[in-house]
């Protein structure tokens, strides 16, 4: 009698409607923690009393265990840092901090390391500047403090160095004017002080030379 078919019902096929049902009837959620369908168990765990959740830490479905990792007190779920499923470890990364969070920098799965990098304080992120995964290093480049960015000048991927060039204080961009990737040099030419543009005036890429001339108020090279 609590269902509103097509909008809010535990027997619906759509997770959003099941979630609405438990949100409106949280006491009912505890009745469905052992439901055979994993999405119902997951959504029930989102709304049930935390006191009923410890047994679900061993649920066979990773989504259920991830919900438990998000809801139970940290002291009860720290062991899930060793869970075989990355989704569970990512959920735990959303709650850990300090050394416990930094421990995930060595996780074998790049998605877990990336999740940790998104939350870790910049002071800890230097530990990830040599991470083998590009997406992790890009996250690091977006989150480091300005004064830490030179640590990525030598990154092997131009995408990372371009982020550095976009964030570095303009007065420090001289160090990137000779970057081997023309896309990085273009960003440098866009942002560096006009007094430093001579460093790129004879760049091998015409697009960059034209940008330098445009910023200096000069006609493109080769034109009278």
C-alpha atoms as a PDB file:
ATOM      1  CA  UNK A   1       0.000   0.000   0.000  1.00  0.00           C
ATOM      2  CA  UNK A   2       3.053   2.295   0.098  1.00  0.00           C
ATOM      3  CA  UNK A   3       3.823   2.088  -3.625  1.00  0.00           C
ATOM      4  CA  UNK A   4       2.894   4.727  -6.174  1.00  0.00           C
ATOM      5  CA  UNK A   5       3.267   2.726  -9.380  1.00  0.00           C
ATOM      6  CA  UNK A   6       5.234   4.513 -12.077  1.00  0.00           C
ATOM      7  CA  UNK A   7       6.768   6.917  -9.585  1.00  0.00           C
ATOM      8  CA  UNK A   8       7.717   5.412  -6.228  1.00  0.00           C
ATOM      9  CA  UNK A   9       7.747   1.659  -5.761  1.00  0.00           C
ATOM     10  CA  UNK A  10      10.111  -0.992  -4.450  1.00  0.00           C
ATOM     11  CA  UNK A  11       8.912  -3.401  -7.127  1.00  0.00           C
ATOM     12  CA  UNK A  12       9.770  -1.083  -9.996  1.00  0.00           C
ATOM     13  CA  UNK A  13      12.485  -1.900 -12.529  1.00  0.00           C
ATOM     14  CA  UNK A  14      14.054   1.563 -12.297  1.00  0.00           C
ATOM     15  CA  UNK A  15      16.511   2.245  -9.511  1.00  0.00           C
ATOM     16  CA  UNK A  16      15.399   5.851  -9.147  1.00  0.00           C
ATOM     17  CA  UNK A  17      11.858   4.815  -8.272  1.00  0.00           C
ATOM     18  CA  UNK A  18      13.095   2.173  -5.849  1.00  0.00           C
ATOM     19  CA  UNK A  19      15.301   4.769  -4.201  1.00  0.00           C
ATOM     20  CA  UNK A  20      12.346   7.154  -3.869  1.00  0.00           C
ATOM     21  CA  UNK A  21      10.392   4.412  -2.146  1.00  0.00           C
ATOM     22  CA  UNK A  22      13.075   3.840   0.483  1.00  0.00           C
ATOM     23  CA  UNK A  23      13.635   7.582   0.910  1.00  0.00           C
ATOM     24  CA  UNK A  24       9.951   8.008   1.668  1.00  0.00           C
ATOM     25  CA  UNK A  25       9.769   4.832   3.782  1.00  0.00           C
ATOM     26  CA  UNK A  26      13.189   4.329   5.433  1.00  0.00           C
ATOM     27  CA  UNK A  27      11.819   1.838   7.948  1.00  0.00           C
ATOM     28  CA  UNK A  28      10.833  -0.437   5.087  1.00  0.00           C
ATOM     29  CA  UNK A  29      14.438  -0.509   3.828  1.00  0.00           C
ATOM     30  CA  UNK A  30      15.490  -2.955   6.548  1.00  0.00           C
ATOM     31  CA  UNK A  31      13.069  -5.528   5.187  1.00  0.00           C
ATOM     32  CA  UNK A  32      14.892  -5.599   1.857  1.00  0.00           C
ATOM     33  CA  UNK A  33      18.532  -5.944   2.906  1.00  0.00           C
ATOM     34  CA  UNK A  34      18.482  -9.599   1.851  1.00  0.00           C
ATOM     35  CA  UNK A  35      16.502  -9.061  -1.354  1.00  0.00           C
ATOM     36  CA  UNK A  36      17.698 -11.333  -4.209  1.00  0.00           C
ATOM     37  CA  UNK A  37      18.181  -8.369  -6.567  1.00  0.00           C
ATOM     38  CA  UNK A  38      21.443  -6.571  -5.762  1.00  0.00           C
ATOM     39  CA  UNK A  39      20.206  -3.074  -6.730  1.00  0.00           C
ATOM     40  CA  UNK A  40      17.358  -3.340  -4.233  1.00  0.00           C
ATOM     41  CA  UNK A  41      19.838  -4.393  -1.523  1.00  0.00           C
ATOM     42  CA  UNK A  42      22.133  -1.509  -2.452  1.00  0.00           C
ATOM     43  CA  UNK A  43      19.373   1.091  -2.297  1.00  0.00           C
ATOM     44  CA  UNK A  44      17.953  -0.410   0.871  1.00  0.00           C
ATOM     45  CA  UNK A  45      21.431  -0.137   2.441  1.00  0.00           C
ATOM     46  CA  UNK A  46      21.473   3.556   1.528  1.00  0.00           C
ATOM     47  CA  UNK A  47      18.424   4.229   3.709  1.00  0.00           C
ATOM     48  CA  UNK A  48      18.407   1.512   6.373  1.00  0.00           C
ATOM     49  CA  UNK A  49      19.727   2.061   9.871  1.00  0.00           C
ATOM     50  CA  UNK A  50      23.541   1.708   9.969  1.00  0.00           C
ATOM     51  CA  UNK A  51      23.094  -0.765  12.825  1.00  0.00           C
ATOM     52  CA  UNK A  52      21.652  -3.242  10.303  1.00  0.00           C
ATOM     53  CA  UNK A  53      24.484  -2.940   7.793  1.00  0.00           C
ATOM     54  CA  UNK A  54      27.576  -4.729   9.206  1.00  0.00           C
ATOM     55  CA  UNK A  55      26.495  -8.077   7.787  1.00  0.00           C
ATOM     56  CA  UNK A  56      26.432  -6.592   4.280  1.00  0.00           C
ATOM     57  CA  UNK A  57      30.179  -5.934   4.347  1.00  0.00           C
ATOM     58  CA  UNK A  58      30.498  -9.503   3.047  1.00  0.00           C
ATOM     59  CA  UNK A  59      27.732  -9.181   0.436  1.00  0.00           C
ATOM     60  CA  UNK A  60      28.675 -10.897  -2.841  1.00  0.00           C
ATOM     61  CA  UNK A  61      27.780  -7.782  -4.835  1.00  0.00           C
ATOM     62  CA  UNK A  62      30.409  -4.967  -4.916  1.00  0.00           C
ATOM     63  CA  UNK A  63      27.787  -2.197  -5.153  1.00  0.00           C
ATOM     64  CA  UNK A  64      26.309  -3.311  -1.845  1.00  0.00           C
ATOM     65  CA  UNK A  65      29.715  -3.436  -0.156  1.00  0.00           C
ATOM     66  CA  UNK A  66      30.523   0.011  -1.576  1.00  0.00           C
ATOM     67  CA  UNK A  67      27.364   1.407   0.011  1.00  0.00           C
ATOM     68  CA  UNK A  68      28.365  -0.135   3.313  1.00  0.00           C
ATOM     69  CA  UNK A  69      31.807   1.490   2.973  1.00  0.00           C
ATOM     70  CA  UNK A  70      30.088   4.850   2.564  1.00  0.00           C
ATOM     71  CA  UNK A  71      27.691   4.528   5.476  1.00  0.00           C
ATOM     72  CA  UNK A  72      29.247   2.635   8.356  1.00  0.00           C
ATOM     73  CA  UNK A  73      31.685   4.332  10.760  1.00  0.00           C
ATOM     74  CA  UNK A  74      35.199   4.259   9.321  1.00  0.00           C
ATOM     75  CA  UNK A  75      36.441   2.087  12.157  1.00  0.00           C
ATOM     76  CA  UNK A  76      34.048  -0.642  10.980  1.00  0.00           C
ATOM     77  CA  UNK A  77      34.991  -0.583   7.300  1.00  0.00           C
ATOM     78  CA  UNK A  78      38.741   0.128   7.132  1.00  0.00           C
ATOM     79  CA  UNK A  79      39.389  -3.509   6.224  1.00  0.00           C
ATOM     80  CA  UNK A  80      37.504  -2.918   2.969  1.00  0.00           C
ATOM     81  CA  UNK A  81      40.659  -1.192   1.733  1.00  0.00           C
ATOM     82  CA  UNK A  82      41.674  -4.744   0.795  1.00  0.00           C
ATOM     83  CA  UNK A  83      38.387  -5.521  -0.979  1.00  0.00           C
ATOM     84  CA  UNK A  84      39.053  -7.190  -4.354  1.00  0.00           C
ATOM     85  CA  UNK A  85      36.644  -4.861  -6.176  1.00  0.00           C
ATOM     86  CA  UNK A  86      37.941  -1.353  -7.102  1.00  0.00           C
ATOM     87  CA  UNK A  87      34.450   0.166  -6.704  1.00  0.00           C
ATOM     88  CA  UNK A  88      34.522  -0.671  -3.017  1.00  0.00           C
ATOM     89  CA  UNK A  89      38.000   0.775  -2.532  1.00  0.00           C
ATOM     90  CA  UNK A  90      36.933   3.931  -4.397  1.00  0.00           C
ATOM     91  CA  UNK A  91      33.999   4.328  -2.018  1.00  0.00           C
ATOM     92  CA  UNK A  92      36.391   4.054   0.892  1.00  0.00           C
ATOM     93  CA  UNK A  93      38.711   6.622  -0.713  1.00  0.00           C
ATOM     94  CA  UNK A  94      35.829   9.105  -0.520  1.00  0.00           C
ATOM     95  CA  UNK A  95      36.073   8.959   3.274  1.00  0.00           C
ATOM     96  CA  UNK A  96      39.704   8.366   4.183  1.00  0.00           C
ATOM     97  CA  UNK A  97      42.241  11.102   4.795  1.00  0.00           C
ATOM     98  CA  UNK A  98      45.894  11.550   5.743  1.00  0.00           C
ATOM     99  CA  UNK A  99      48.145   8.519   5.667  1.00  0.00           C
ATOM    100  CA  UNK A 100      45.191   6.152   5.275  1.00  0.00           C
ATOM    101  CA  UNK A 101      44.225   7.895   2.038  1.00  0.00           C
ATOM    102  CA  UNK A 102      47.830   8.100   0.839  1.00  0.00           C
ATOM    103  CA  UNK A 103      48.096   4.323   1.257  1.00  0.00           C
ATOM    104  CA  UNK A 104      45.773   4.046  -1.754  1.00  0.00           C
ATOM    105  CA  UNK A 105      48.401   5.741  -3.929  1.00  0.00           C
ATOM    106  CA  UNK A 106      49.907   2.267  -4.295  1.00  0.00           C
ATOM    107  CA  UNK A 107      46.629   0.616  -5.263  1.00  0.00           C
ATOM    108  CA  UNK A 108      47.014  -1.648  -8.320  1.00  0.00           C
ATOM    109  CA  UNK A 109      43.942  -0.115  -9.978  1.00  0.00           C
ATOM    110  CA  UNK A 110      44.370   3.350 -11.535  1.00  0.00           C
ATOM    111  CA  UNK A 111      40.741   4.311 -10.853  1.00  0.00           C
ATOM    112  CA  UNK A 112      41.345   3.910  -7.128  1.00  0.00           C
ATOM    113  CA  UNK A 113      44.568   5.927  -7.284  1.00  0.00           C
ATOM    114  CA  UNK A 114      42.724   8.599  -9.252  1.00  0.00           C
ATOM    115  CA  UNK A 115      39.946   8.749  -6.659  1.00  0.00           C
ATOM    116  CA  UNK A 116      42.557   9.145  -3.933  1.00  0.00           C
ATOM    117  CA  UNK A 117      44.327  11.864  -5.944  1.00  0.00           C
ATOM    118  CA  UNK A 118      41.098  13.854  -6.226  1.00  0.00           C
ATOM    119  CA  UNK A 119      40.775  14.034  -2.444  1.00  0.00           C
ATOM    120  CA  UNK A 120      44.325  14.084  -1.140  1.00  0.00           C
ATOM    121  CA  UNK A 121      45.806  17.408   0.005  1.00  0.00           C
ATOM    122  CA  UNK A 122      48.298  18.866  -2.501  1.00  0.00           C
ATOM    123  CA  UNK A 123      51.166  18.259  -0.084  1.00  0.00           C
ATOM    124  CA  UNK A 124      50.710  14.498  -0.590  1.00  0.00           C
ATOM    125  CA  UNK A 125      50.226  14.559  -4.344  1.00  0.00           C
ATOM    126  CA  UNK A 126      53.906  14.767  -5.191  1.00  0.00           C
ATOM    127  CA  UNK A 127      53.973  11.048  -4.407  1.00  0.00           C
ATOM    128  CA  UNK A 128      51.953  10.500  -7.587  1.00  0.00           C
ATOM    129  CA  UNK A 129      53.889  12.593 -10.117  1.00  0.00           C
ATOM    130  CA  UNK A 130      55.451   9.433 -11.576  1.00  0.00           C
ATOM    131  CA  UNK A 131      52.261   7.381 -11.599  1.00  0.00           C
ATOM    132  CA  UNK A 132      52.166   5.121 -14.667  1.00  0.00           C
ATOM    133  CA  UNK A 133      48.613   6.169 -15.555  1.00  0.00           C
ATOM    134  CA  UNK A 134      48.035   9.378 -17.524  1.00  0.00           C
ATOM    135  CA  UNK A 135      44.646  10.150 -15.943  1.00  0.00           C
ATOM    136  CA  UNK A 136      46.169  10.061 -12.462  1.00  0.00           C
ATOM    137  CA  UNK A 137      48.973  12.436 -13.426  1.00  0.00           C
ATOM    138  CA  UNK A 138      46.465  14.794 -15.064  1.00  0.00           C
ATOM    139  CA  UNK A 139      44.495  14.883 -11.820  1.00  0.00           C
ATOM    140  CA  UNK A 140      47.716  15.645  -9.960  1.00  0.00           C
ATOM    141  CA  UNK A 141      48.535  18.453 -12.411  1.00  0.00           C
ATOM    142  CA  UNK A 142      45.128  20.030 -11.836  1.00  0.00           C
ATOM    143  CA  UNK A 143      45.410  19.915  -8.048  1.00  0.00           C
ATOM    144  CA  UNK A 144      49.007  20.701  -7.148  1.00  0.00           C
ATOM    145  CA  UNK A 145      49.768  24.088  -5.658  1.00  0.00           C
ATOM    146  CA  UNK A 146      51.324  26.588  -8.076  1.00  0.00           C
ATOM    147  CA  UNK A 147      54.737  26.292  -6.511  1.00  0.00           C
ATOM    148  CA  UNK A 148      54.675  22.495  -6.921  1.00  0.00           C
ATOM    149  CA  UNK A 149      53.907  22.501 -10.651  1.00  0.00           C
ATOM    150  CA  UNK A 150      57.557  22.594 -11.846  1.00  0.00           C
ATOM    151  CA  UNK A 151      57.812  19.004 -10.621  1.00  0.00           C
ATOM    152  CA  UNK A 152      55.799  18.062 -13.713  1.00  0.00           C
ATOM    153  CA  UNK A 153      57.858  19.959 -16.296  1.00  0.00           C
ATOM    154  CA  UNK A 154      59.441  16.676 -17.336  1.00  0.00           C
ATOM    155  CA  UNK A 155      56.258  14.612 -17.516  1.00  0.00           C
ATOM    156  CA  UNK A 156      56.421  12.280 -20.538  1.00  0.00           C
ATOM    157  CA  UNK A 157      52.948  13.260 -21.783  1.00  0.00           C
ATOM    158  CA  UNK A 158      52.196  16.632 -23.354  1.00  0.00           C
ATOM    159  CA  UNK A 159      48.643  16.579 -21.956  1.00  0.00           C
ATOM    160  CA  UNK A 160      50.013  16.803 -18.427  1.00  0.00           C
ATOM    161  CA  UNK A 161      52.497  19.518 -19.339  1.00  0.00           C
ATOM    162  CA  UNK A 162      49.734  21.494 -21.048  1.00  0.00           C
ATOM    163  CA  UNK A 163      47.721  21.518 -17.813  1.00  0.00           C
ATOM    164  CA  UNK A 164      50.859  22.759 -16.049  1.00  0.00           C
ATOM    165  CA  UNK A 165      51.257  25.527 -18.654  1.00  0.00           C
ATOM    166  CA  UNK A 166      47.628  26.544 -18.166  1.00  0.00           C
ATOM    167  CA  UNK A 167      48.053  26.826 -14.394  1.00  0.00           C
ATOM    168  CA  UNK A 168      51.603  28.038 -13.892  1.00  0.00           C
ATOM    169  CA  UNK A 169      51.952  31.747 -12.971  1.00  0.00           C
ATOM    170  CA  UNK A 170      52.704  33.596 -16.264  1.00  0.00           C
ATOM    171  CA  UNK A 171      56.014  34.910 -14.979  1.00  0.00           C
ATOM    172  CA  UNK A 172      57.330  31.364 -14.658  1.00  0.00           C
ATOM    173  CA  UNK A 173      56.405  30.150 -18.131  1.00  0.00           C
ATOM    174  CA  UNK A 174      59.829  30.893 -19.620  1.00  0.00           C
ATOM    175  CA  UNK A 175      60.884  27.450 -18.409  1.00  0.00           C
ATOM    176  CA  UNK A 176      58.308  25.852 -20.742  1.00  0.00           C
ATOM    177  CA  UNK A 177      58.992  27.906 -23.875  1.00  0.00           C
ATOM    178  CA  UNK A 178      61.122  25.123 -25.359  1.00  0.00           C
ATOM    179  CA  UNK A 179      58.654  22.315 -24.620  1.00  0.00           C
ATOM    180  CA  UNK A 180      58.748  19.666 -27.394  1.00  0.00           C
ATOM    181  CA  UNK A 181      54.941  19.666 -27.741  1.00  0.00           C
ATOM    182  CA  UNK A 182      53.661  22.579 -29.848  1.00  0.00           C
ATOM    183  CA  UNK A 183      50.339  22.532 -27.976  1.00  0.00           C
ATOM    184  CA  UNK A 184      52.174  23.288 -24.752  1.00  0.00           C
ATOM    185  CA  UNK A 185      54.182  26.062 -26.415  1.00  0.00           C
ATOM    186  CA  UNK A 186      50.958  27.557 -27.794  1.00  0.00           C
ATOM    187  CA  UNK A 187      49.537  27.819 -24.267  1.00  0.00           C
ATOM    188  CA  UNK A 188      52.830  29.364 -23.154  1.00  0.00           C
ATOM    189  CA  UNK A 189      52.590  31.905 -25.986  1.00  0.00           C
ATOM    190  CA  UNK A 190      49.041  32.759 -24.937  1.00  0.00           C
ATOM    191  CA  UNK A 191      49.879  33.366 -21.288  1.00  0.00           C
ATOM    192  CA  UNK A 192      53.492  34.429 -20.837  1.00  0.00           C
ATOM    193  CA  UNK A 193      54.300  38.128 -20.299  1.00  0.00           C
ATOM    194  CA  UNK A 194      54.777  40.014 -23.556  1.00  0.00           C
ATOM    195  CA  UNK A 195      58.349  40.776 -22.543  1.00  0.00           C
ATOM    196  CA  UNK A 196      59.170  37.067 -22.797  1.00  0.00           C
ATOM    197  CA  UNK A 197      57.522  36.416 -26.160  1.00  0.00           C
ATOM    198  CA  UNK A 198      60.804  36.779 -28.030  1.00  0.00           C
ATOM    199  CA  UNK A 199      61.524  33.237 -26.860  1.00  0.00           C
ATOM    200  CA  UNK A 200      58.830  32.000 -29.233  1.00  0.00           C
ATOM    201  CA  UNK A 201      59.129  34.559 -32.036  1.00  0.00           C
ATOM    202  CA  UNK A 202      60.953  32.087 -34.286  1.00  0.00           C
ATOM    203  CA  UNK A 203      59.044  28.968 -33.264  1.00  0.00           C
ATOM    204  CA  UNK A 204      58.956  26.240 -35.905  1.00  0.00           C
ATOM    205  CA  UNK A 205      55.139  26.267 -35.814  1.00  0.00           C
ATOM    206  CA  UNK A 206      53.557  29.085 -37.812  1.00  0.00           C
ATOM    207  CA  UNK A 207      50.487  29.195 -35.589  1.00  0.00           C
ATOM    208  CA  UNK A 208      52.662  30.035 -32.597  1.00  0.00           C
ATOM    209  CA  UNK A 209      54.691  32.642 -34.513  1.00  0.00           C
ATOM    210  CA  UNK A 210      51.443  34.297 -35.623  1.00  0.00           C
ATOM    211  CA  UNK A 211      50.147  34.343 -32.052  1.00  0.00           C
ATOM    212  CA  UNK A 212      53.338  36.014 -30.857  1.00  0.00           C
ATOM    213  CA  UNK A 213      53.002  38.673 -33.549  1.00  0.00           C
ATOM    214  CA  UNK A 214      49.340  39.191 -32.696  1.00  0.00           C
ATOM    215  CA  UNK A 215      50.107  39.711 -29.028  1.00  0.00           C
ATOM    216  CA  UNK A 216      52.906  42.122 -29.850  1.00  0.00           C
ATOM    217  CA  UNK A 217      50.754  44.056 -32.331  1.00  0.00           C
ATOM    218  CA  UNK A 218      52.992  43.117 -35.256  1.00  0.00           C
ATOM    219  CA  UNK A 219      52.018  41.801 -38.687  1.00  0.00           C
ATOM    220  CA  UNK A 220      52.542  38.063 -39.146  1.00  0.00           C
ATOM    221  CA  UNK A 221      56.058  37.191 -40.273  1.00  0.00           C
ATOM    222  CA  UNK A 222      56.322  37.060 -44.033  1.00  0.00           C
ATOM    223  CA  UNK A 223      53.899  39.961 -44.513  1.00  0.00           C
ATOM    224  CA  UNK A 224      54.919  43.536 -45.197  1.00  0.00           C
END
